[in-house]
C-alpha cells in the first residue's frame, strides 16, 4: 500500500485488469485537426492503440489520440461507445489492456509512483458528483489538498473558499451535500477537483444528472475554466457547449474513434456516415 493517498484514491474508484504497455500495431491513419491557437502546443495526453475489454465485450478498440496542452476536447458518441471508459483509463480508474498512455510526459504503467504523479495532475468530475455526504462542502474540498499535498488546514480552507467564490457558491461552504441542489453539488465537485491544482480536467457527462434549469450554471463554470487555459476533456451531449467552447470534437462508436475535427468540420461537413447519423439524431 503506498504511503500517500492519491486524488483518485480519495473518491474510491476501482480498476480493472492489468495493462500491457506496448503494442506493435501500425500507426493510426486517422487525421488530427487542431485549432490554430494550438499549432505550437506540446502534447499533454498521448494514447496509442489503446484497447479495453470487459470480459468478452471490447469497450475500446485501437484508440489513438493526441491532446494538446490547453486544448478543449469534447467527446461525443452513443451510449456504450467507449467515451467514459476512455477518460477513465487516463487516470487508471480503469486499466487499459493494450496500448500506451502518456500523461504530461509520464507513461501510465505498473509504477505506483508514476500513477500517483499522474493522478495528482488530473482532476475528474463525475455524473453523480461523488461528494462525501457526511462532510461539509468546505471539508469535501479541503480533504484532498490536506491528505495528498499535505497542505496546512488554514491554507486548504482559504483555497477552498477561493474556489467556491470561483464557482459562485461561497455561501454554501458550511452546508452538507444533501442540502444543495444538483447544480450546486456539481459545482462543489468541480471546486474539489480544482483544489488539487491539476493540469488536466476530465468531465464525464457532468450535466446529465441535472434538471434542465441547473445545466447552464455548471456549463458556465466549465466555460470559465476552459478560458483560463486548462486542458480539458469533456464527455457530453451538450451541443451548444461543444460548438462554442471545444477546440476539437471526437466521435466514438462501438469502442472506436470514428471521426475527429474542429466544431466547424463536425457541424457543417462531417465525413463519416455514422457521424452524420448520430448528429442528425441529436441536433
Protein backbone atom coordinates (compact mmCIF):
# COMPACT_ATOMS: atom_id res chain seq x y z
CA UNK A 1 0.00 0.00 0.00
CA UNK A 2 1.51 3.39 -0.97
CA UNK A 3 2.24 5.86 1.82
CA UNK A 4 0.22 8.68 0.30
CA UNK A 5 -3.37 8.80 -0.90
CA UNK A 6 -3.97 9.98 -4.44
CA UNK A 7 -6.81 12.22 -5.56
CA UNK A 8 -8.42 9.27 -7.31
CA UNK A 9 -7.95 7.04 -4.24
CA UNK A 10 -9.99 9.53 -2.21
CA UNK A 11 -13.03 9.00 -4.40
CA UNK A 12 -12.51 5.23 -4.11
CA UNK A 13 -12.97 4.13 -7.70
CA UNK A 14 -11.96 0.61 -8.76
CA UNK A 15 -9.66 -0.53 -11.57
CA UNK A 16 -9.76 -3.45 -13.99
CA UNK A 17 -7.23 -5.96 -15.38
CA UNK A 18 -3.52 -5.25 -15.75
CA UNK A 19 -2.34 -3.16 -18.68
CA UNK A 20 0.07 -4.08 -21.43
CA UNK A 21 2.37 -1.13 -22.07
CA UNK A 22 3.35 -1.64 -25.70
CA UNK A 23 1.92 -2.81 -28.99
CA UNK A 24 3.38 -3.47 -32.42
CA UNK A 25 0.35 -2.34 -34.37
CA UNK A 26 0.74 0.16 -37.21
CA UNK A 27 0.12 3.85 -36.53
CA UNK A 28 -3.45 5.10 -36.92
CA UNK A 29 -4.26 6.79 -40.22
CA UNK A 30 -6.96 8.99 -38.65
CA UNK A 31 -6.02 12.65 -39.29
CA UNK A 32 -5.98 15.01 -36.33
CA UNK A 33 -7.28 18.56 -36.71
CA UNK A 34 -6.12 21.16 -34.21
CA UNK A 35 -7.27 24.70 -33.58
CA UNK A 36 -4.78 27.26 -35.00
CA UNK A 37 -4.14 28.58 -31.48
CA UNK A 38 -2.65 25.17 -30.59
CA UNK A 39 -0.24 24.99 -33.52
CA UNK A 40 2.84 25.18 -31.30
CA UNK A 41 1.42 23.50 -28.21
CA UNK A 42 3.03 20.36 -26.85
CA UNK A 43 1.22 17.04 -26.43
CA UNK A 44 -0.29 16.79 -22.96
CA UNK A 45 -2.06 13.44 -23.44
CA UNK A 46 -0.97 10.67 -25.79
CA UNK A 47 -2.92 7.47 -26.28
CA UNK A 48 -1.67 4.93 -28.80
CA UNK A 49 -3.59 1.82 -29.89
CA UNK A 50 -5.46 1.53 -26.60
CA UNK A 51 -7.73 -1.49 -26.05
CA UNK A 52 -10.01 -2.22 -23.11
CA UNK A 53 -12.09 -5.34 -22.54
CA UNK A 54 -14.80 -6.14 -20.01
CA UNK A 55 -14.99 -9.91 -20.28
CA UNK A 56 -15.98 -10.63 -23.88
CA UNK A 57 -17.02 -7.03 -24.56
CA UNK A 58 -14.45 -4.75 -26.16
CA UNK A 59 -15.06 -1.27 -24.76
CA UNK A 60 -12.09 0.38 -26.53
CA UNK A 61 -10.76 -0.78 -29.88
CA UNK A 62 -7.35 0.51 -31.02
CA UNK A 63 -7.89 4.11 -29.88
CA UNK A 64 -5.10 6.55 -30.75
CA UNK A 65 -5.46 10.22 -29.87
CA UNK A 66 -3.14 13.11 -29.00
CA UNK A 67 -4.42 16.07 -26.99
CA UNK A 68 -2.52 19.34 -26.79
CA UNK A 69 -1.79 21.43 -23.72
CA UNK A 70 -4.69 23.87 -23.10
CA UNK A 71 -6.83 22.07 -25.69
CA UNK A 72 -10.56 21.62 -25.05
CA UNK A 73 -11.73 18.29 -26.46
CA UNK A 74 -15.37 17.22 -26.41
CA UNK A 75 -16.05 13.50 -26.86
CA UNK A 76 -19.37 12.52 -28.41
CA UNK A 77 -20.99 9.19 -29.08
CA UNK A 78 -23.96 6.97 -28.32
CA UNK A 79 -24.36 5.12 -25.04
CA UNK A 80 -21.84 2.29 -24.73
CA UNK A 81 -19.49 3.74 -27.35
CA UNK A 82 -16.46 3.87 -25.02
CA UNK A 83 -16.43 7.61 -24.21
CA UNK A 84 -16.43 7.27 -20.42
CA UNK A 85 -14.18 4.23 -20.48
CA UNK A 86 -11.61 6.21 -22.45
CA UNK A 87 -11.34 9.07 -19.99
CA UNK A 88 -11.42 6.68 -17.00
CA UNK A 89 -8.38 4.95 -18.47
CA UNK A 90 -6.48 8.24 -18.46
CA UNK A 91 -6.07 8.18 -14.67
CA UNK A 92 -6.43 4.43 -14.31
CA UNK A 93 -9.86 4.26 -12.80
CA UNK A 94 -9.96 1.58 -15.48
CA UNK A 95 -6.80 -0.22 -16.62
CA UNK A 96 -6.27 -0.45 -20.34
CA UNK A 97 -5.47 -3.94 -21.63
CA UNK A 98 -3.22 -2.98 -24.54
CA UNK A 99 -1.60 0.10 -25.97
CA UNK A 100 0.18 3.07 -24.44
CA UNK A 101 -0.99 6.08 -22.41
CA UNK A 102 1.28 9.04 -21.61
CA UNK A 103 0.10 11.96 -19.46
CA UNK A 104 2.31 15.08 -19.29
CA UNK A 105 5.37 13.01 -20.31
CA UNK A 106 4.66 10.30 -17.69
CA UNK A 107 3.75 6.85 -19.01
CA UNK A 108 0.85 5.14 -17.27
CA UNK A 109 2.11 1.69 -16.28
CA UNK A 110 2.59 -0.52 -13.22
CA UNK A 111 4.83 2.03 -11.47
CA UNK A 112 2.90 3.22 -8.40
CA UNK A 113 4.84 6.48 -8.21
CA UNK A 114 4.08 7.27 -11.85
CA UNK A 115 0.40 6.60 -11.19
CA UNK A 116 0.42 8.90 -8.17
CA UNK A 117 2.14 11.63 -10.19
CA UNK A 118 -0.46 11.34 -12.97
CA UNK A 119 -3.39 11.36 -10.57
CA UNK A 120 -2.03 14.45 -8.84
CA UNK A 121 -2.18 16.27 -12.19
CA UNK A 122 -5.57 15.01 -13.38
CA UNK A 123 -8.85 16.17 -11.87
CA UNK A 124 -12.12 14.39 -12.64
CA UNK A 125 -15.76 15.38 -12.33
CA UNK A 126 -18.38 12.64 -12.49
CA UNK A 127 -22.02 12.46 -13.47
CA UNK A 128 -23.13 11.66 -9.90
CA UNK A 129 -21.00 14.26 -8.04
CA UNK A 130 -19.37 11.66 -5.68
CA UNK A 131 -19.27 14.06 -2.74
CA UNK A 132 -18.86 12.68 0.77
CA UNK A 133 -22.34 13.09 2.32
CA UNK A 134 -21.05 13.20 5.91
CA UNK A 135 -18.65 16.09 5.22
CA UNK A 136 -19.46 19.76 4.76
CA UNK A 137 -18.85 21.43 1.42
CA UNK A 138 -15.69 23.01 2.82
CA UNK A 139 -14.39 19.68 4.14
CA UNK A 140 -15.13 17.93 0.84
CA UNK A 141 -12.86 20.43 -0.89
CA UNK A 142 -10.06 20.55 1.68
CA UNK A 143 -9.72 16.78 2.13
CA UNK A 144 -7.59 16.16 -0.97
CA UNK A 145 -5.13 19.04 -0.51
CA UNK A 146 -4.60 18.13 3.14
CA UNK A 147 -4.24 14.37 2.65
CA UNK A 148 -2.37 14.29 -0.66
CA UNK A 149 -0.47 17.57 -0.84
CA UNK A 150 -0.04 17.92 2.93
CA UNK A 151 -1.41 21.44 2.81
CA UNK A 152 -1.96 23.09 6.24
CA UNK A 153 -5.63 23.24 7.24
CA UNK A 154 -5.93 27.03 7.17
CA UNK A 155 -4.27 27.22 3.76
CA UNK A 156 -6.55 24.50 2.41
CA UNK A 157 -9.62 26.27 3.76
CA UNK A 158 -8.52 29.57 2.21
CA UNK A 159 -8.02 27.81 -1.14
CA UNK A 160 -11.44 26.13 -0.81
CA UNK A 161 -13.14 29.48 -0.23
CA UNK A 162 -11.37 30.97 -3.25
CA UNK A 163 -12.64 28.10 -5.38
CA UNK A 164 -16.17 28.37 -4.02
CA UNK A 165 -16.08 32.04 -5.00
CA UNK A 166 -14.88 31.00 -8.44
CA UNK A 167 -17.77 28.57 -8.95
CA UNK A 168 -20.25 31.05 -7.47
CA UNK A 169 -21.38 29.43 -4.22
CA UNK A 170 -19.21 30.69 -1.31
CA UNK A 171 -22.31 30.93 0.90
CA UNK A 172 -22.70 27.11 0.78
CA UNK A 173 -19.37 26.36 2.49
CA UNK A 174 -20.82 25.08 5.77
CA UNK A 175 -23.71 23.10 4.29
CA UNK A 176 -23.76 19.37 3.57
CA UNK A 177 -24.28 17.92 0.08
CA UNK A 178 -27.87 16.84 0.77
CA UNK A 179 -28.76 20.48 1.44
CA UNK A 180 -27.66 21.58 -2.04
CA UNK A 181 -29.29 21.43 -5.46
CA UNK A 182 -27.80 19.15 -8.08
CA UNK A 183 -26.20 22.08 -9.87
CA UNK A 184 -24.65 23.32 -6.64
CA UNK A 185 -23.33 19.84 -5.83
CA UNK A 186 -21.70 19.60 -9.24
CA UNK A 187 -20.06 23.00 -8.77
CA UNK A 188 -18.69 21.76 -5.43
CA UNK A 189 -17.35 18.70 -7.26
CA UNK A 190 -15.59 20.98 -9.75
CA UNK A 191 -14.14 23.07 -6.91
CA UNK A 192 -12.95 19.89 -5.18
CA UNK A 193 -11.15 18.73 -8.33
CA UNK A 194 -9.57 22.16 -8.82
CA UNK A 195 -8.33 22.19 -5.21
CA UNK A 196 -5.76 19.59 -6.23
CA UNK A 197 -4.38 22.16 -8.70
CA UNK A 198 -4.50 19.80 -11.69
CA UNK A 199 -3.10 20.45 -15.16
CA UNK A 200 -5.87 18.41 -16.80
CA UNK A 201 -9.59 18.19 -16.07
CA UNK A 202 -11.79 15.28 -17.15
CA UNK A 203 -15.58 15.67 -17.18
CA UNK A 204 -17.73 12.54 -17.52
CA UNK A 205 -21.20 13.74 -18.57
CA UNK A 206 -21.24 16.36 -15.80
CA UNK A 207 -24.71 17.72 -16.62
CA UNK A 208 -26.58 14.52 -17.49
CA UNK A 209 -27.96 14.04 -13.94
CA UNK A 210 -29.11 17.66 -13.60
CA UNK A 211 -32.50 19.27 -14.09
CA UNK A 212 -32.56 21.46 -17.22
CA UNK A 213 -32.55 24.73 -15.29
CA UNK A 214 -29.36 23.72 -13.45
CA UNK A 215 -27.34 22.78 -16.52
CA UNK A 216 -26.38 26.31 -17.53
CA UNK A 217 -24.82 27.18 -14.18
CA UNK A 218 -22.46 24.19 -14.45
CA UNK A 219 -21.63 24.85 -18.12
CA UNK A 220 -20.83 28.48 -17.28
CA UNK A 221 -18.25 27.32 -14.72
CA UNK A 222 -16.77 24.88 -17.24
CA UNK A 223 -16.57 27.59 -19.89
CA UNK A 224 -14.73 29.91 -17.50
CA UNK A 225 -12.34 27.09 -16.70
CA UNK A 226 -11.71 26.48 -20.41
CA UNK A 227 -10.97 30.16 -20.95
CA UNK A 228 -8.42 30.06 -18.11
CA UNK A 229 -6.15 27.72 -20.13
CA UNK A 230 -6.97 24.37 -18.52
CA UNK A 231 -6.53 21.25 -20.66
CA UNK A 232 -9.99 19.65 -20.67
CA UNK A 233 -11.66 16.50 -21.98
CA UNK A 234 -15.43 16.63 -21.74
CA UNK A 235 -17.82 13.75 -22.41
CA UNK A 236 -21.16 15.45 -23.04
CA UNK A 237 -24.20 15.74 -25.29
CA UNK A 238 -24.43 19.50 -24.71
CA UNK A 239 -24.03 20.56 -28.32
CA UNK A 240 -24.09 24.28 -27.57
CA UNK A 241 -21.09 23.89 -25.26
CA UNK A 242 -19.31 21.73 -27.82
CA UNK A 243 -19.87 24.26 -30.61
CA UNK A 244 -18.87 27.32 -28.58
CA UNK A 245 -16.04 26.05 -26.35
CA UNK A 246 -14.37 23.00 -27.91
CA UNK A 247 -11.21 23.19 -29.99
CA UNK A 248 -11.90 19.69 -31.26
CA UNK A 249 -14.72 17.18 -31.27
CA UNK A 250 -14.07 13.44 -31.22
CA UNK A 251 -16.76 10.90 -32.11
CA UNK A 252 -16.67 7.37 -30.67
CA UNK A 253 -18.81 4.41 -31.72
CA UNK A 254 -18.54 0.75 -30.67
CA UNK A 255 -15.28 1.47 -28.83
CA UNK A 256 -13.54 3.01 -31.83
CA UNK A 257 -12.58 6.58 -32.69
CA UNK A 258 -14.65 7.17 -35.81
CA UNK A 259 -14.00 10.82 -36.61
CA UNK A 260 -12.45 13.95 -35.18
CA UNK A 261 -12.23 17.58 -36.20
CA UNK A 262 -12.96 21.18 -35.34
CA UNK A 263 -16.53 22.17 -34.41
CA UNK A 264 -16.89 23.78 -37.85
CA UNK A 265 -15.95 20.49 -39.51
CA UNK A 266 -18.26 18.45 -37.33
CA UNK A 267 -21.34 20.61 -37.58
CA UNK A 268 -21.05 21.61 -41.24
CA UNK A 269 -19.19 18.85 -43.06
CA UNK A 270 -18.76 15.56 -41.14
CA UNK A 271 -17.08 12.90 -43.26
CA UNK A 272 -18.29 9.58 -41.85
CA UNK A 273 -21.85 8.33 -42.37
CA UNK A 274 -22.01 7.12 -38.76
CA UNK A 275 -21.14 10.61 -37.54
CA UNK A 276 -23.80 12.15 -39.78
CA UNK A 277 -26.43 9.75 -38.47
CA UNK A 278 -25.55 10.47 -34.84
CA UNK A 279 -25.66 14.24 -35.34
CA UNK A 280 -28.96 14.02 -37.18
CA UNK A 281 -30.47 12.30 -34.15
CA UNK A 282 -29.33 14.81 -31.53
CA UNK A 283 -29.37 18.17 -33.33
